[in-house]
Amino acid sequence: MDIYAELAKLVEKKVKKGTDIKPEDELKDLGLDSLDKADIMISIEDLFNISFEEDEMLSVKTVEDLKVLIEKKIS
């Protein structure tokens, strides 16, 4: 499974159509608020069968941060 491709799909569902999601994109700069971020994290937990601690969720700023966190959890 391509982690980044799956992440991009989840993030694209929450942002404006036509936005090209890049690893360095900050979630807040994509217009995502804390509720959007929580929804994405829950979707990630379901998709990858992992769970996040609250401090991990708060530390995520970019799409790349999410990818790295997922890789740590599934390895």
PDB file of N, CA and C in Angstrom:
ATOM      1  N   MET A   1       0.854  -1.189   0.000  1.00  0.00           N
ATOM      2  CA  MET A   1       0.000   0.000   0.000  1.00  0.00           C
ATOM      3  C   MET A   1       0.891   1.240   0.000  1.00  0.00           C
ATOM      4  N   ASP A   2       0.603   2.171  -0.868  1.00  0.00           N
ATOM      5  CA  ASP A   2       1.346   3.424  -0.941  1.00  0.00           C
ATOM      6  C   ASP A   2       0.768   4.392   0.099  1.00  0.00           C
ATOM      7  N   ILE A   3       1.492   4.568   1.183  1.00  0.00           N
ATOM      8  CA  ILE A   3       1.006   5.392   2.296  1.00  0.00           C
ATOM      9  C   ILE A   3       0.706   6.815   1.839  1.00  0.00           C
ATOM     10  N   TYR A   4       1.630   7.405   1.092  1.00  0.00           N
ATOM     11  CA  TYR A   4       1.422   8.795   0.682  1.00  0.00           C
ATOM     12  C   TYR A   4       0.187   8.941  -0.212  1.00  0.00           C
ATOM     13  N   ALA A   5      -0.011   8.006  -1.130  1.00  0.00           N
ATOM     14  CA  ALA A   5      -1.176   8.074  -2.023  1.00  0.00           C
ATOM     15  C   ALA A   5      -2.476   8.003  -1.223  1.00  0.00           C
ATOM     16  N   GLU A   6      -2.511   7.134  -0.234  1.00  0.00           N
ATOM     17  CA  GLU A   6      -3.704   7.019   0.606  1.00  0.00           C
ATOM     18  C   GLU A   6      -3.927   8.288   1.424  1.00  0.00           C
ATOM     19  N   LEU A   7      -2.844   8.843   1.953  1.00  0.00           N
ATOM     20  CA  LEU A   7      -2.945  10.094   2.707  1.00  0.00           C
ATOM     21  C   LEU A   7      -3.470  11.223   1.839  1.00  0.00           C
ATOM     22  N   ALA A   8      -2.919  11.322   0.637  1.00  0.00           N
ATOM     23  CA  ALA A   8      -3.346  12.379  -0.278  1.00  0.00           C
ATOM     24  C   ALA A   8      -4.843  12.278  -0.553  1.00  0.00           C
ATOM     25  N   LYS A   9      -5.357  11.066  -0.720  1.00  0.00           N
ATOM     26  CA  LYS A   9      -6.793  10.880  -0.959  1.00  0.00           C
ATOM     27  C   LYS A   9      -7.609  11.376   0.231  1.00  0.00           C
ATOM     28  N   LEU A  10      -7.158  11.014   1.441  1.00  0.00           N
ATOM     29  CA  LEU A  10      -7.888  11.424   2.644  1.00  0.00           C
ATOM     30  C   LEU A  10      -7.878  12.947   2.806  1.00  0.00           C
ATOM     31  N   VAL A  11      -6.739  13.565   2.573  1.00  0.00           N
ATOM     32  CA  VAL A  11      -6.624  15.012   2.730  1.00  0.00           C
ATOM     33  C   VAL A  11      -7.414  15.729   1.635  1.00  0.00           C
ATOM     34  N   GLU A  12      -7.355  15.212   0.421  1.00  0.00           N
ATOM     35  CA  GLU A  12      -8.085  15.842  -0.693  1.00  0.00           C
ATOM     36  C   GLU A  12      -9.584  15.886  -0.446  1.00  0.00           C
ATOM     37  N   LYS A  13     -10.113  14.908   0.289  1.00  0.00           N
ATOM     38  CA  LYS A  13     -11.548  14.895   0.602  1.00  0.00           C
ATOM     39  C   LYS A  13     -11.943  16.105   1.448  1.00  0.00           C
ATOM     40  N   LYS A  14     -10.980  16.659   2.183  1.00  0.00           N
ATOM     41  CA  LYS A  14     -11.262  17.759   3.109  1.00  0.00           C
ATOM     42  C   LYS A  14     -10.914  19.143   2.554  1.00  0.00           C
ATOM     43  N   VAL A  15     -10.144  19.204   1.479  1.00  0.00           N
ATOM     44  CA  VAL A  15      -9.724  20.498   0.937  1.00  0.00           C
ATOM     45  C   VAL A  15     -10.471  20.803  -0.359  1.00  0.00           C
ATOM     46  N   LYS A  16     -10.246  22.013  -0.860  1.00  0.00           N
ATOM     47  CA  LYS A  16     -10.901  22.438  -2.092  1.00  0.00           C
ATOM     48  C   LYS A  16     -10.490  21.546  -3.254  1.00  0.00           C
ATOM     49  N   LYS A  17     -11.441  21.320  -4.151  1.00  0.00           N
ATOM     50  CA  LYS A  17     -11.175  20.518  -5.347  1.00  0.00           C
ATOM     51  C   LYS A  17     -10.015  21.123  -6.131  1.00  0.00           C
ATOM     52  N   GLY A  18      -9.202  20.259  -6.706  1.00  0.00           N
ATOM     53  CA  GLY A  18      -8.103  20.714  -7.538  1.00  0.00           C
ATOM     54  C   GLY A  18      -6.834  21.066  -6.786  1.00  0.00           C
ATOM     55  N   THR A  19      -6.857  20.925  -5.463  1.00  0.00           N
ATOM     56  CA  THR A  19      -5.659  21.207  -4.685  1.00  0.00           C
ATOM     57  C   THR A  19      -4.705  20.032  -4.818  1.00  0.00           C
ATOM     58  N   ASP A  20      -3.477  20.311  -5.227  1.00  0.00           N
ATOM     59  CA  ASP A  20      -2.465  19.279  -5.361  1.00  0.00           C
ATOM     60  C   ASP A  20      -1.778  19.113  -4.010  1.00  0.00           C
ATOM     61  N   ILE A  21      -1.901  17.941  -3.411  1.00  0.00           N
ATOM     62  CA  ILE A  21      -1.363  17.694  -2.082  1.00  0.00           C
ATOM     63  C   ILE A  21       0.104  17.285  -2.197  1.00  0.00           C
ATOM     64  N   LYS A  22       0.958  18.012  -1.479  1.00  0.00           N
ATOM     65  CA  LYS A  22       2.392  17.732  -1.474  1.00  0.00           C
ATOM     66  C   LYS A  22       2.829  17.390  -0.045  1.00  0.00           C
ATOM     67  N   PRO A  23       3.892  16.584   0.095  1.00  0.00           N
ATOM     68  CA  PRO A  23       4.327  16.176   1.444  1.00  0.00           C
ATOM     69  C   PRO A  23       4.616  17.346   2.379  1.00  0.00           C
ATOM     70  N   GLU A  24       5.167  18.423   1.846  1.00  0.00           N
ATOM     71  CA  GLU A  24       5.548  19.553   2.697  1.00  0.00           C
ATOM     72  C   GLU A  24       4.381  20.476   3.058  1.00  0.00           C
ATOM     73  N   ASP A  25       3.204  20.215   2.506  1.00  0.00           N
ATOM     74  CA  ASP A  25       2.036  21.055   2.807  1.00  0.00           C
ATOM     75  C   ASP A  25       1.664  20.973   4.278  1.00  0.00           C
ATOM     76  N   GLU A  26       1.513  22.152   4.880  1.00  0.00           N
ATOM     77  CA  GLU A  26       1.024  22.187   6.258  1.00  0.00           C
ATOM     78  C   GLU A  26      -0.492  22.065   6.217  1.00  0.00           C
ATOM     79  N   LEU A  27      -1.037  21.254   7.112  1.00  0.00           N
ATOM     80  CA  LEU A  27      -2.473  21.005   7.119  1.00  0.00           C
ATOM     81  C   LEU A  27      -3.265  22.294   7.295  1.00  0.00           C
ATOM     82  N   LYS A  28      -2.783  23.182   8.162  1.00  0.00           N
ATOM     83  CA  LYS A  28      -3.508  24.444   8.377  1.00  0.00           C
ATOM     84  C   LYS A  28      -3.491  25.316   7.124  1.00  0.00           C
ATOM     85  N   ASP A  29      -2.395  25.249   6.351  1.00  0.00           N
ATOM     86  CA  ASP A  29      -2.311  26.036   5.124  1.00  0.00           C
ATOM     87  C   ASP A  29      -3.240  25.503   4.035  1.00  0.00           C
ATOM     88  N   LEU A  30      -3.639  24.240   4.185  1.00  0.00           N
ATOM     89  CA  LEU A  30      -4.606  23.661   3.247  1.00  0.00           C
ATOM     90  C   LEU A  30      -6.041  24.020   3.641  1.00  0.00           C
ATOM     91  N   GLY A  31      -6.174  24.764   4.731  1.00  0.00           N
ATOM     92  CA  GLY A  31      -7.494  25.191   5.177  1.00  0.00           C
ATOM     93  C   GLY A  31      -8.164  24.204   6.118  1.00  0.00           C
ATOM     94  N   LEU A  32      -7.389  23.283   6.664  1.00  0.00           N
ATOM     95  CA  LEU A  32      -7.952  22.284   7.569  1.00  0.00           C
ATOM     96  C   LEU A  32      -7.925  22.792   9.009  1.00  0.00           C
ATOM     97  N   ASP A  33      -9.041  22.636   9.687  1.00  0.00           N
ATOM     98  CA  ASP A  33      -9.088  23.014  11.095  1.00  0.00           C
ATOM     99  C   ASP A  33      -8.885  21.769  11.959  1.00  0.00           C
ATOM    100  N   SER A  34      -8.966  21.927  13.249  1.00  0.00           N
ATOM    101  CA  SER A  34      -8.687  20.806  14.148  1.00  0.00           C
ATOM    102  C   SER A  34      -9.700  19.670  13.978  1.00  0.00           C
ATOM    103  N   LEU A  35     -10.943  20.008  13.645  1.00  0.00           N
ATOM    104  CA  LEU A  35     -11.955  18.969  13.423  1.00  0.00           C
ATOM    105  C   LEU A  35     -11.630  18.170  12.159  1.00  0.00           C
ATOM    106  N   ASP A  36     -11.230  18.869  11.097  1.00  0.00           N
ATOM    107  CA  ASP A  36     -10.828  18.182   9.861  1.00  0.00           C
ATOM    108  C   ASP A  36      -9.653  17.255  10.137  1.00  0.00           C
ATOM    109  N   LYS A  37      -8.682  17.763  10.888  1.00  0.00           N
ATOM    110  CA  LYS A  37      -7.487  16.985  11.211  1.00  0.00           C
ATOM    111  C   LYS A  37      -7.873  15.739  12.004  1.00  0.00           C
ATOM    112  N   ALA A  38      -8.781  15.888  12.969  1.00  0.00           N
ATOM    113  CA  ALA A  38      -9.235  14.743  13.765  1.00  0.00           C
ATOM    114  C   ALA A  38      -9.938  13.719  12.870  1.00  0.00           C
ATOM    115  N   ASP A  39     -10.769  14.185  11.942  1.00  0.00           N
ATOM    116  CA  ASP A  39     -11.448  13.278  11.010  1.00  0.00           C
ATOM    117  C   ASP A  39     -10.444  12.496  10.173  1.00  0.00           C
ATOM    118  N   ILE A  40      -9.411  13.183   9.702  1.00  0.00           N
ATOM    119  CA  ILE A  40      -8.372  12.531   8.901  1.00  0.00           C
ATOM    120  C   ILE A  40      -7.639  11.489   9.738  1.00  0.00           C
ATOM    121  N   MET A  41      -7.295  11.844  10.965  1.00  0.00           N
ATOM    122  CA  MET A  41      -6.569  10.916  11.832  1.00  0.00           C
ATOM    123  C   MET A  41      -7.418   9.663  12.116  1.00  0.00           C
ATOM    124  N   ILE A  42      -8.706   9.836  12.334  1.00  0.00           N
ATOM    125  CA  ILE A  42      -9.592   8.694  12.580  1.00  0.00           C
ATOM    126  C   ILE A  42      -9.659   7.811  11.338  1.00  0.00           C
ATOM    127  N   SER A  43      -9.753   8.427  10.176  1.00  0.00           N
ATOM    128  CA  SER A  43      -9.770   7.660   8.921  1.00  0.00           C
ATOM    129  C   SER A  43      -8.471   6.883   8.747  1.00  0.00           C
ATOM    130  N   ILE A  44      -7.356   7.504   9.106  1.00  0.00           N
ATOM    131  CA  ILE A  44      -6.048   6.835   9.018  1.00  0.00           C
ATOM    132  C   ILE A  44      -6.009   5.640   9.972  1.00  0.00           C
ATOM    133  N   GLU A  45      -6.507   5.844  11.183  1.00  0.00           N
ATOM    134  CA  GLU A  45      -6.522   4.750  12.157  1.00  0.00           C
ATOM    135  C   GLU A  45      -7.309   3.559  11.613  1.00  0.00           C
ATOM    136  N   ASP A  46      -8.452   3.836  11.017  1.00  0.00           N
ATOM    137  CA  ASP A  46      -9.284   2.772  10.456  1.00  0.00           C
ATOM    138  C   ASP A  46      -8.603   2.102   9.264  1.00  0.00           C
ATOM    139  N   LEU A  47      -8.050   2.898   8.369  1.00  0.00           N
ATOM    140  CA  LEU A  47      -7.438   2.390   7.141  1.00  0.00           C
ATOM    141  C   LEU A  47      -6.215   1.525   7.419  1.00  0.00           C
ATOM    142  N   PHE A  48      -5.360   1.988   8.335  1.00  0.00           N
ATOM    143  CA  PHE A  48      -4.106   1.288   8.590  1.00  0.00           C
ATOM    144  C   PHE A  48      -4.148   0.404   9.843  1.00  0.00           C
ATOM    145  N   ASN A  49      -5.296   0.364  10.513  1.00  0.00           N
ATOM    146  CA  ASN A  49      -5.477  -0.440  11.721  1.00  0.00           C
ATOM    147  C   ASN A  49      -4.420  -0.098  12.778  1.00  0.00           C
ATOM    148  N   ILE A  50      -4.300   1.193  13.051  1.00  0.00           N
ATOM    149  CA  ILE A  50      -3.373   1.703  14.060  1.00  0.00           C
ATOM    150  C   ILE A  50      -4.129   2.680  14.951  1.00  0.00           C
ATOM    151  N   SER A  51      -3.500   3.147  16.012  1.00  0.00           N
ATOM    152  CA  SER A  51      -4.128   4.181  16.834  1.00  0.00           C
ATOM    153  C   SER A  51      -3.082   5.222  17.217  1.00  0.00           C
ATOM    154  N   PHE A  52      -3.562   6.435  17.401  1.00  0.00           N
ATOM    155  CA  PHE A  52      -2.699   7.554  17.747  1.00  0.00           C
ATOM    156  C   PHE A  52      -2.989   8.023  19.158  1.00  0.00           C
ATOM    157  N   GLU A  53      -1.940   8.443  19.850  1.00  0.00           N
ATOM    158  CA  GLU A  53      -2.088   9.101  21.143  1.00  0.00           C
ATOM    159  C   GLU A  53      -2.397  10.572  20.866  1.00  0.00           C
ATOM    160  N   GLU A  54      -2.992  11.239  21.827  1.00  0.00           N
ATOM    161  CA  GLU A  54      -3.356  12.647  21.635  1.00  0.00           C
ATOM    162  C   GLU A  54      -2.135  13.520  21.330  1.00  0.00           C
ATOM    163  N   ASP A  55      -1.014  13.277  22.023  1.00  0.00           N
ATOM    164  CA  ASP A  55       0.172  14.096  21.785  1.00  0.00           C
ATOM    165  C   ASP A  55       0.730  13.883  20.378  1.00  0.00           C
ATOM    166  N   GLU A  56       0.572  12.670  19.844  1.00  0.00           N
ATOM    167  CA  GLU A  56       1.004  12.415  18.468  1.00  0.00           C
ATOM    168  C   GLU A  56       0.130  13.204  17.486  1.00  0.00           C
ATOM    169  N   MET A  57      -1.154  13.219  17.746  1.00  0.00           N
ATOM    170  CA  MET A  57      -2.076  13.950  16.868  1.00  0.00           C
ATOM    171  C   MET A  57      -1.750  15.442  16.868  1.00  0.00           C
ATOM    172  N   LEU A  58      -1.414  15.965  18.022  1.00  0.00           N
ATOM    173  CA  LEU A  58      -1.115  17.392  18.132  1.00  0.00           C
ATOM    174  C   LEU A  58       0.215  17.754  17.481  1.00  0.00           C
ATOM    175  N   SER A  59       1.132  16.784  17.392  1.00  0.00           N
ATOM    176  CA  SER A  59       2.454  17.069  16.829  1.00  0.00           C
ATOM    177  C   SER A  59       2.452  17.113  15.297  1.00  0.00           C
ATOM    178  N   VAL A  60       1.406  16.612  14.676  1.00  0.00           N
ATOM    179  CA  VAL A  60       1.350  16.559  13.209  1.00  0.00           C
ATOM    180  C   VAL A  60       1.053  17.937  12.641  1.00  0.00           C
ATOM    181  N   LYS A  61       1.960  18.405  11.787  1.00  0.00           N
ATOM    182  CA  LYS A  61       1.781  19.712  11.145  1.00  0.00           C
ATOM    183  C   LYS A  61       1.649  19.587   9.626  1.00  0.00           C
ATOM    184  N   THR A  62       2.409  18.644   9.026  1.00  0.00           N
ATOM    185  CA  THR A  62       2.427  18.511   7.568  1.00  0.00           C
ATOM    186  C   THR A  62       1.951  17.125   7.140  1.00  0.00           C
ATOM    187  N   VAL A  63       1.706  16.988   5.855  1.00  0.00           N
ATOM    188  CA  VAL A  63       1.340  15.698   5.294  1.00  0.00           C
ATOM    189  C   VAL A  63       2.487  14.706   5.506  1.00  0.00           C
ATOM    190  N   GLU A  64       3.727  15.173   5.362  1.00  0.00           N
ATOM    191  CA  GLU A  64       4.894  14.317   5.588  1.00  0.00           C
ATOM    192  C   GLU A  64       4.941  13.832   7.034  1.00  0.00           C
ATOM    193  N   ASP A  65       4.592  14.696   7.996  1.00  0.00           N
ATOM    194  CA  ASP A  65       4.549  14.280   9.401  1.00  0.00           C
ATOM    195  C   ASP A  65       3.605  13.095   9.575  1.00  0.00           C
ATOM    196  N   LEU A  66       2.466  13.163   8.915  1.00  0.00           N
ATOM    197  CA  LEU A  66       1.493  12.067   8.985  1.00  0.00           C
ATOM    198  C   LEU A  66       2.092  10.782   8.420  1.00  0.00           C
ATOM    199  N   LYS A  67       2.730  10.899   7.280  1.00  0.00           N
ATOM    200  CA  LYS A  67       3.326   9.727   6.614  1.00  0.00           C
ATOM    201  C   LYS A  67       4.379   9.079   7.525  1.00  0.00           C
ATOM    202  N   VAL A  68       5.255   9.891   8.102  1.00  0.00           N
ATOM    203  CA  VAL A  68       6.304   9.373   8.983  1.00  0.00           C
ATOM    204  C   VAL A  68       5.696   8.692  10.210  1.00  0.00           C
ATOM    205  N   LEU A  69       4.677   9.292  10.780  1.00  0.00           N
ATOM    206  CA  LEU A  69       4.019   8.722  11.951  1.00  0.00           C
ATOM    207  C   LEU A  69       3.375   7.375  11.616  1.00  0.00           C
ATOM    208  N   ILE A  70       2.729   7.288  10.472  1.00  0.00           N
ATOM    209  CA  ILE A  70       2.113   6.027  10.049  1.00  0.00           C
ATOM    210  C   ILE A  70       3.186   4.962   9.844  1.00  0.00           C
ATOM    211  N   GLU A  71       4.275   5.335   9.183  1.00  0.00           N
ATOM    212  CA  GLU A  71       5.354   4.371   8.946  1.00  0.00           C
ATOM    213  C   GLU A  71       5.911   3.820  10.248  1.00  0.00           C
ATOM    214  N   LYS A  72       6.051   4.683  11.264  1.00  0.00           N
ATOM    215  CA  LYS A  72       6.528   4.239  12.575  1.00  0.00           C
ATOM    216  C   LYS A  72       5.562   3.245  13.197  1.00  0.00           C
ATOM    217  N   LYS A  73       4.274   3.536  13.058  1.00  0.00           N
ATOM    218  CA  LYS A  73       3.253   2.704  13.689  1.00  0.00           C
ATOM    219  C   LYS A  73       3.112   1.332  13.032  1.00  0.00           C
ATOM    220  N   ILE A  74       3.305   1.270  11.717  1.00  0.00           N
ATOM    221  CA  ILE A  74       3.063  -0.006  11.046  1.00  0.00           C
ATOM    222  C   ILE A  74       4.334  -0.856  10.887  1.00  0.00           C
ATOM    223  N   SER A  75       5.476  -0.292  11.261  1.00  0.00           N
ATOM    224  CA  SER A  75       6.714  -1.082  11.121  1.00  0.00           C
ATOM    225  C   SER A  75       7.085  -1.781  12.412  1.00  0.00           C
TER     226      SER A  75
END
